[in-house]
Amino acid sequence: MALSQFKSTEENPFTELSDRELQIMLMITRGEKVPDISENLHLSTKTINSYRYRMFEKLGVGNDVELTHLAIRHGMINTEKL
């Protein structure tokens, strides 16, 4: 995480995510809970958590807060609506 602050701002780590991972990332950063995401996407909570941890590994983050901060830094979410 500390090294990610020194990466070029032009690099967007979110390009490494699949469409489903991006969909789940956006839901998480909007504050949706895993059971709600699971219900909305008709997937098990275990599957949603598998996506979460795979995203965390790809992005080098450890939790939802770090994920949200990274998404804000890279313009993936609009902070004006938060």
C-alpha atoms as a PDB file:
ATOM      1  CA  MET A   1       0.000   0.000   0.000  1.00  0.00           C
ATOM      2  CA  ALA A   2       2.775   2.455   0.868  1.00  0.00           C
ATOM      3  CA  LEU A   3       4.431   1.960  -2.516  1.00  0.00           C
ATOM      4  CA  SER A   4       1.157   2.507  -4.375  1.00  0.00           C
ATOM      5  CA  GLN A   5       1.295   6.172  -3.357  1.00  0.00           C
ATOM      6  CA  PHE A   6       4.398   6.603  -5.518  1.00  0.00           C
ATOM      7  CA  LYS A   7       2.981   5.047  -8.675  1.00  0.00           C
ATOM      8  CA  SER A   8       2.258   7.295 -11.604  1.00  0.00           C
ATOM      9  CA  THR A   9      -1.241   8.747 -11.442  1.00  0.00           C
ATOM     10  CA  GLU A  10      -1.679   7.653 -15.068  1.00  0.00           C
ATOM     11  CA  GLU A  11      -1.522   3.979 -14.056  1.00  0.00           C
ATOM     12  CA  ASN A  12      -4.947   2.708 -13.149  1.00  0.00           C
ATOM     13  CA  PRO A  13      -4.770  -0.564 -11.207  1.00  0.00           C
ATOM     14  CA  PHE A  14      -8.475  -1.131 -11.802  1.00  0.00           C
ATOM     15  CA  THR A  15      -7.744  -2.133 -15.403  1.00  0.00           C
ATOM     16  CA  GLU A  16      -6.558  -5.454 -13.922  1.00  0.00           C
ATOM     17  CA  LEU A  17     -10.053  -6.284 -12.647  1.00  0.00           C
ATOM     18  CA  SER A  18     -12.663  -8.332 -14.465  1.00  0.00           C
ATOM     19  CA  ASP A  19     -16.064  -6.810 -15.243  1.00  0.00           C
ATOM     20  CA  ARG A  20     -17.611  -8.710 -12.316  1.00  0.00           C
ATOM     21  CA  GLU A  21     -14.849  -7.565  -9.960  1.00  0.00           C
ATOM     22  CA  LEU A  22     -15.426  -3.961 -11.059  1.00  0.00           C
ATOM     23  CA  GLN A  23     -19.160  -4.351 -10.491  1.00  0.00           C
ATOM     24  CA  ILE A  24     -18.601  -5.701  -6.988  1.00  0.00           C
ATOM     25  CA  MET A  25     -15.936  -3.048  -6.247  1.00  0.00           C
ATOM     26  CA  LEU A  26     -18.411  -0.295  -7.094  1.00  0.00           C
ATOM     27  CA  MET A  27     -21.060  -1.861  -4.882  1.00  0.00           C
ATOM     28  CA  ILE A  28     -18.609  -2.188  -1.982  1.00  0.00           C
ATOM     29  CA  THR A  29     -17.411   1.406  -2.320  1.00  0.00           C
ATOM     30  CA  ARG A  30     -21.045   2.563  -2.229  1.00  0.00           C
ATOM     31  CA  GLY A  31     -21.267   0.926   1.186  1.00  0.00           C
ATOM     32  CA  GLU A  32     -23.318  -2.105   0.209  1.00  0.00           C
ATOM     33  CA  LYS A  33     -22.911  -5.113   2.476  1.00  0.00           C
ATOM     34  CA  VAL A  34     -21.810  -8.526   1.199  1.00  0.00           C
ATOM     35  CA  PRO A  35     -25.198 -10.194   1.911  1.00  0.00           C
ATOM     36  CA  ASP A  36     -26.988  -7.456  -0.057  1.00  0.00           C
ATOM     37  CA  ILE A  37     -24.523  -7.717  -2.967  1.00  0.00           C
ATOM     38  CA  SER A  38     -24.978 -11.473  -2.881  1.00  0.00           C
ATOM     39  CA  GLU A  39     -28.751 -11.165  -3.078  1.00  0.00           C
ATOM     40  CA  ASN A  40     -28.679  -8.523  -5.835  1.00  0.00           C
ATOM     41  CA  LEU A  41     -26.294 -10.515  -8.030  1.00  0.00           C
ATOM     42  CA  HIS A  42     -27.819 -13.924  -7.210  1.00  0.00           C
ATOM     43  CA  LEU A  43     -24.463 -15.240  -6.001  1.00  0.00           C
ATOM     44  CA  SER A  44     -23.504 -16.789  -2.667  1.00  0.00           C
ATOM     45  CA  THR A  45     -21.812 -14.666  -0.019  1.00  0.00           C
ATOM     46  CA  LYS A  46     -18.839 -17.012  -0.307  1.00  0.00           C
ATOM     47  CA  THR A  47     -18.540 -16.166  -4.020  1.00  0.00           C
ATOM     48  CA  ILE A  48     -18.763 -12.421  -3.318  1.00  0.00           C
ATOM     49  CA  ASN A  49     -16.033 -12.716  -0.689  1.00  0.00           C
ATOM     50  CA  SER A  50     -13.879 -14.685  -3.143  1.00  0.00           C
ATOM     51  CA  TYR A  51     -14.203 -11.808  -5.605  1.00  0.00           C
ATOM     52  CA  ARG A  52     -13.391  -9.302  -2.843  1.00  0.00           C
ATOM     53  CA  TYR A  53     -10.212 -11.045  -1.755  1.00  0.00           C
ATOM     54  CA  ARG A  54      -9.104 -11.566  -5.350  1.00  0.00           C
ATOM     55  CA  MET A  55      -9.602  -7.819  -5.935  1.00  0.00           C
ATOM     56  CA  PHE A  56      -7.709  -6.971  -2.763  1.00  0.00           C
ATOM     57  CA  GLU A  57      -4.791  -9.093  -3.935  1.00  0.00           C
ATOM     58  CA  LYS A  58      -4.744  -7.603  -7.438  1.00  0.00           C
ATOM     59  CA  LEU A  59      -4.950  -4.042  -6.096  1.00  0.00           C
ATOM     60  CA  GLY A  60      -2.661  -4.472  -3.101  1.00  0.00           C
ATOM     61  CA  VAL A  61      -5.243  -3.406  -0.529  1.00  0.00           C
ATOM     62  CA  GLY A  62      -6.283  -5.085   2.696  1.00  0.00           C
ATOM     63  CA  ASN A  63      -9.833  -3.944   3.345  1.00  0.00           C
ATOM     64  CA  ASP A  64     -12.862  -2.052   2.028  1.00  0.00           C
ATOM     65  CA  VAL A  65     -11.627   1.309   3.320  1.00  0.00           C
ATOM     66  CA  GLU A  66      -8.322   1.002   1.449  1.00  0.00           C
ATOM     67  CA  LEU A  67     -10.263  -0.123  -1.623  1.00  0.00           C
ATOM     68  CA  THR A  68     -12.464   2.973  -1.406  1.00  0.00           C
ATOM     69  CA  HIS A  69      -9.485   5.304  -0.988  1.00  0.00           C
ATOM     70  CA  LEU A  70      -7.799   3.756  -4.011  1.00  0.00           C
ATOM     71  CA  ALA A  71     -10.994   4.088  -6.059  1.00  0.00           C
ATOM     72  CA  ILE A  72     -11.266   7.770  -5.115  1.00  0.00           C
ATOM     73  CA  ARG A  73      -7.599   8.416  -6.017  1.00  0.00           C
ATOM     74  CA  HIS A  74      -8.114   6.904  -9.453  1.00  0.00           C
ATOM     75  CA  GLY A  75     -11.448   8.595 -10.149  1.00  0.00           C
ATOM     76  CA  MET A  76     -13.447   5.383 -10.095  1.00  0.00           C
ATOM     77  CA  ILE A  77     -16.131   6.826  -7.820  1.00  0.00           C
ATOM     78  CA  ASN A  78     -17.670  10.264  -7.508  1.00  0.00           C
ATOM     79  CA  THR A  79     -17.035  11.645  -4.009  1.00  0.00           C
ATOM     80  CA  GLU A  80     -19.549  14.463  -4.468  1.00  0.00           C
ATOM     81  CA  LYS A  81     -22.402  11.970  -4.089  1.00  0.00           C
ATOM     82  CA  LEU A  82     -20.968  10.351  -0.936  1.00  0.00           C
END
